Protein backbone atom coordinates (compact mmCIF):
# COMPACT_ATOMS: atom_id res chain seq x y z
CA MET A 1 -23.85 61.24 21.11
CA LYS A 2 -20.90 59.77 22.93
CA TYR A 3 -20.43 56.58 24.92
CA ILE A 4 -19.01 55.77 28.35
CA VAL A 5 -18.52 52.21 29.59
CA LYS A 6 -18.73 51.05 33.19
CA GLY A 7 -15.52 49.61 34.60
CA GLY A 8 -13.69 49.51 31.27
CA VAL A 9 -13.80 47.06 28.38
CA THR A 10 -14.37 43.51 29.60
CA SER A 11 -14.15 40.01 28.14
CA ARG A 12 -14.40 36.44 29.41
CA ASN A 13 -11.08 36.68 31.27
CA VAL A 14 -10.98 40.46 31.76
CA PRO A 15 -13.33 41.62 34.54
CA ALA A 16 -14.62 45.15 34.97
CA ASN A 17 -12.45 47.53 37.02
CA SER A 18 -9.27 45.57 36.27
CA MET A 19 -6.13 47.15 34.83
CA ASP A 20 -6.61 45.17 31.62
CA ALA A 21 -10.19 46.47 31.26
CA LEU A 22 -8.95 50.04 31.71
CA TRP A 23 -6.16 49.52 29.16
CA LEU A 24 -8.66 48.17 26.62
CA SER A 25 -10.99 51.11 27.19
CA MET A 26 -8.14 53.53 26.51
CA HIS A 27 -7.57 51.97 23.10
CA SER A 28 -11.20 51.57 22.01
CA PRO A 29 -12.17 53.99 19.21
CA HIS A 30 -15.84 53.60 20.18
CA LEU A 31 -15.57 55.13 23.67
CA SER A 32 -15.26 58.66 24.98
CA GLY A 33 -14.66 57.63 28.56
CA VAL A 34 -14.88 55.17 31.43
CA HIS A 35 -17.17 55.10 34.47
CA LEU A 36 -15.62 54.08 37.82
CA ASN A 37 -17.27 53.31 41.17
CA VAL A 38 -14.97 54.00 44.13
CA PHE A 39 -14.90 52.76 47.73
CA LEU A 40 -12.71 53.28 50.79
CA THR A 41 -10.90 50.37 52.45
CA LYS A 42 -10.27 49.94 56.17
CA ASP A 43 -6.76 51.39 55.75
CA GLN A 44 -8.00 54.42 53.76
CA GLU A 45 -7.15 53.29 50.22
CA VAL A 46 -9.59 54.22 47.44
CA VAL A 47 -10.31 51.21 45.23
CA LEU A 48 -12.46 50.43 42.19
CA TYR A 49 -15.26 47.90 42.37
CA GLU A 50 -18.82 47.44 41.11
CA GLY A 51 -20.30 47.86 44.59
CA PRO A 52 -19.40 48.10 48.29
CA MET A 53 -19.62 44.33 48.93
CA VAL A 54 -17.22 41.56 47.85
CA ASP A 55 -17.23 37.77 48.16
CA HIS A 56 -20.82 37.48 46.85
CA GLY A 57 -22.09 40.11 49.26
CA LYS A 58 -20.54 38.61 52.38
CA GLU A 59 -17.96 41.30 53.18
CA ASN A 60 -17.87 45.09 52.98
CA ILE A 61 -14.83 46.74 51.37
CA HIS A 62 -14.85 49.28 54.21
CA ASP A 63 -14.07 46.45 56.67
CA LEU A 64 -11.11 45.06 54.71
CA THR A 65 -7.57 46.36 54.18
CA PHE A 66 -6.14 46.92 50.73
CA ARG A 67 -3.45 44.29 51.39
CA HIS A 68 -6.19 41.77 52.22
CA LEU A 69 -8.14 42.62 49.06
CA GLU A 70 -5.01 42.64 46.91
CA ARG A 71 -4.35 38.97 47.75
CA ARG A 72 -7.72 37.94 46.35
CA ASN A 73 -8.28 36.91 42.76
CA PHE A 74 -11.02 38.99 41.17
CA GLY A 75 -10.38 37.37 37.80
CA THR A 76 -10.69 33.78 36.61
CA ARG A 77 -8.72 30.57 36.96
CA ILE A 78 -7.12 31.32 33.61
CA ARG A 79 -6.04 34.88 34.41
CA ARG A 80 -5.64 36.41 37.84
CA HIS A 81 -6.75 40.01 38.45
CA SER A 82 -6.23 42.08 41.60
CA ILE A 83 -8.36 44.89 42.90
CA VAL A 84 -7.17 48.28 41.60
CA ARG A 85 -6.52 51.49 43.51
CA LEU A 86 -7.96 54.68 42.04
CA GLU A 87 -4.50 56.26 41.95
CA ASP A 88 -3.08 53.39 39.88
CA ALA A 89 -6.09 53.49 37.54
CA LEU A 90 -5.64 57.21 36.89
CA LYS A 91 -1.93 56.74 36.26
CA ALA A 92 -2.82 54.23 33.54
CA LEU A 93 -5.63 56.34 32.08
CA ASN A 94 -3.39 59.42 32.09
CA GLU A 95 -1.70 58.07 28.97
CA GLU A 96 -4.80 58.79 26.88
CA ASN A 97 -7.09 61.81 26.69
CA ARG A 98 -10.30 60.12 27.82
CA MET A 99 -13.06 61.21 30.15
CA VAL A 100 -13.00 59.58 33.58
CA LEU A 101 -16.37 59.63 35.36
CA ILE A 102 -15.88 58.84 39.05
CA SER A 103 -19.06 57.94 40.90
CA LEU A 104 -19.34 58.45 44.65
CA GLY A 105 -22.81 56.89 44.66
CA ASP A 106 -25.00 57.95 47.57
CA THR A 107 -22.18 57.98 50.13
CA LYS A 108 -22.13 60.57 52.88
CA ASP A 109 -18.58 59.55 53.83
CA LEU A 110 -16.57 62.77 53.68
CA GLN A 111 -13.37 60.83 54.24
CA LEU A 112 -13.87 59.00 50.94
CA VAL A 113 -14.72 62.26 49.17
CA LYS A 114 -11.62 64.00 50.54
CA LYS A 115 -9.38 61.08 49.54
CA VAL A 116 -10.82 61.08 46.00
CA LEU A 117 -10.20 64.82 45.72
CA GLU A 118 -6.66 64.41 47.05
CA ILE A 119 -5.92 61.74 44.44
CA THR A 120 -7.60 63.39 41.46
CA GLU A 121 -5.88 66.74 42.09
CA GLN A 122 -2.61 65.02 41.07
CA PHE A 123 -3.90 64.37 37.54
CA SER A 124 -4.44 67.78 36.00
CA GLY A 125 -4.06 66.35 32.48
CA LEU A 126 -7.07 64.03 32.82
CA ASP A 127 -10.65 65.02 32.03
CA ILE A 128 -12.12 64.01 35.40
CA TYR A 129 -15.81 64.23 36.29
CA LEU A 130 -17.01 63.64 39.88
CA VAL A 131 -20.65 62.71 40.50
CA SER A 132 -22.73 62.03 43.61
CA GLU A 133 -26.38 61.36 44.34
CA ASP A 134 -26.15 63.22 47.65
CA LYS A 135 -26.90 66.95 47.51
CA GLU A 136 -24.65 67.84 50.44
CA ILE A 137 -21.69 65.97 48.94
CA VAL A 138 -22.23 67.75 45.60
CA LEU A 139 -22.22 71.13 47.35
CA TYR A 140 -19.05 70.16 49.20
CA LEU A 141 -17.37 69.11 45.94
CA LYS A 142 -18.30 72.40 44.26
CA GLN A 143 -16.60 74.34 47.05
CA ALA A 144 -13.60 72.02 47.40
CA THR A 145 -12.41 71.77 43.78
CA LYS A 146 -12.07 74.06 40.81
CA LYS A 147 -10.08 71.57 38.73
CA GLN A 148 -12.60 68.76 38.36
CA ARG A 149 -16.08 68.95 36.89
CA VAL A 150 -18.81 68.25 39.43
CA GLY A 151 -22.19 66.67 38.68
CA VAL A 152 -25.26 65.26 40.36
CA LYS A 153 -27.11 62.03 39.69
CA ILE A 154 -30.87 62.20 39.12
CA THR A 155 -32.94 59.25 40.34
CA GLY A 156 -36.59 58.70 41.16
CA GLY A 157 -36.05 59.82 44.74
CA ASN A 158 -34.21 63.08 44.10
CA GLU A 159 -35.89 64.80 41.15
CA ASN A 160 -35.28 68.16 42.84
CA ASN A 161 -31.56 67.71 42.07
CA TRP A 162 -32.34 69.09 38.59
CA ASP A 163 -32.39 72.51 40.26
CA MET A 164 -28.72 72.26 41.27
CA ASP A 165 -26.26 74.33 39.24
CA VAL A 166 -23.58 71.80 38.31
CA ASP A 167 -21.42 70.99 35.29
CA PHE A 168 -23.30 67.85 34.28
CA TYR A 169 -26.20 65.56 35.18
CA VAL A 170 -26.20 61.76 35.30
CA VAL A 171 -29.77 60.61 34.71
CA ASP A 172 -31.21 57.21 35.51
CA LYS A 173 -33.20 55.91 32.53
CA ASN A 174 -36.31 55.76 34.73
CA SER A 175 -36.00 59.45 35.64
CA ILE A 176 -35.95 60.99 32.15
CA ASN A 177 -37.42 64.49 32.03
CA LEU A 178 -37.26 65.80 28.44
CA PRO A 179 -38.03 69.47 29.22
CA LYS A 180 -35.33 69.50 31.90
CA ILE A 181 -32.80 67.84 29.59
CA GLN A 182 -33.54 70.29 26.78
CA SER A 183 -33.22 73.20 29.19
CA LYS A 184 -29.86 72.00 30.53
CA ILE A 185 -28.47 71.41 27.02
CA LYS A 186 -29.35 75.02 26.17
CA GLN A 187 -27.32 76.02 29.23
CA TYR A 188 -24.35 74.07 27.78
CA LYS A 189 -24.55 71.36 30.42
CA LYS A 190 -23.63 67.73 29.72
CA ILE A 191 -26.27 65.02 30.14
CA MET A 192 -25.21 61.44 30.85
CA ILE A 193 -27.92 58.79 30.48
CA GLU A 194 -27.43 55.63 32.54
CA GLY A 195 -29.21 52.55 31.23
CA GLU A 196 -29.15 49.80 28.64
CA THR A 197 -32.29 50.74 26.72
CA TRP A 198 -32.82 53.98 24.78
CA PRO A 199 -35.19 56.05 26.95
CA PHE A 200 -36.21 58.79 24.51
CA PRO A 201 -39.09 58.97 22.03
CA GLU A 202 -38.12 58.07 18.46
CA ASP A 203 -38.83 61.59 17.16
CA TYR A 204 -36.35 63.00 19.67
CA LEU A 205 -33.60 60.59 18.69
CA LYS A 206 -32.22 62.51 15.69
CA GLU A 207 -31.66 65.68 17.71
CA LEU A 208 -29.86 63.88 20.53
CA ARG A 209 -27.84 61.53 18.34
CA HIS A 210 -25.83 64.44 16.93
CA SER A 211 -25.52 66.30 20.23
CA ASN A 212 -22.08 66.62 21.82
CA ALA A 213 -23.83 67.23 25.13
CA ILE A 214 -25.30 63.73 25.38
CA TYR A 215 -23.39 60.74 26.77
CA TRP A 216 -24.76 57.24 27.15
CA ILE A 217 -23.34 55.18 30.04
CA LYS A 218 -23.42 51.49 29.12
CA ASP A 219 -22.59 48.31 31.04
CA SER A 220 -20.25 46.84 28.42
CA ILE A 221 -18.51 47.47 25.10
CA HIS A 222 -20.85 44.90 23.52
CA THR A 223 -23.94 46.98 24.34
CA VAL A 224 -22.10 50.10 23.15
CA MET A 225 -21.56 48.46 19.76
CA GLN A 226 -25.19 47.33 19.60
CA ALA A 227 -26.36 50.88 20.31
CA LYS A 228 -24.04 52.37 17.69
CA ARG A 229 -25.24 49.91 15.05
CA LYS A 230 -28.87 50.67 15.89
CA ASN A 231 -28.28 54.41 15.67
CA LEU A 232 -26.57 54.04 12.30
CA SER A 233 -29.50 52.01 10.97
CA ARG A 234 -31.90 54.82 11.97
CA ARG A 235 -30.13 57.46 9.87
């Protein structure tokens, strides 16, 4: 089993999705990759952030220019951090051979999808995975790119997405379907579990723990370390 962390490796003065968090994730021996959420600004720049709203939910990234966002401090009083463009993030991550999982969420914005494809096509050396919850966007991605791996996210409202033929599946912890997961692993598909608690029965743990097809997406490096220690204690 391998681990992916959301937004990079954080600390008290290093927020998620910052350049420092990405740098730390590149040099962590405990991680196989990093998970990035992307959004489109008013002036068509693709940026990293935890969600579409900034300033405690008062403003939408789509309504703000990159220059406006860049002037804001997304860090602390001790250390300033600016919002990061996807292109700059990939340039930094290109130094290490790590998986980059780029989430398009449930967007139906083709302009964002096209911009992400345009940017990622420049980084042929990176192991880039593109995932969406929206079936039409996934189908578009499959037709538009042969370089990047394309996946679909499974949630409670789109269980039929299991039937899509994609490279990998991101599964919400509340939407676990063991027969489907076993079937996809036999088809050499990757399964990425999103959630902080282990969602599988204990008797299924040993099989999955040693599987190269299973990835666990965690919120922070601290919860990654807790999970690794727990798995070691179960051996």
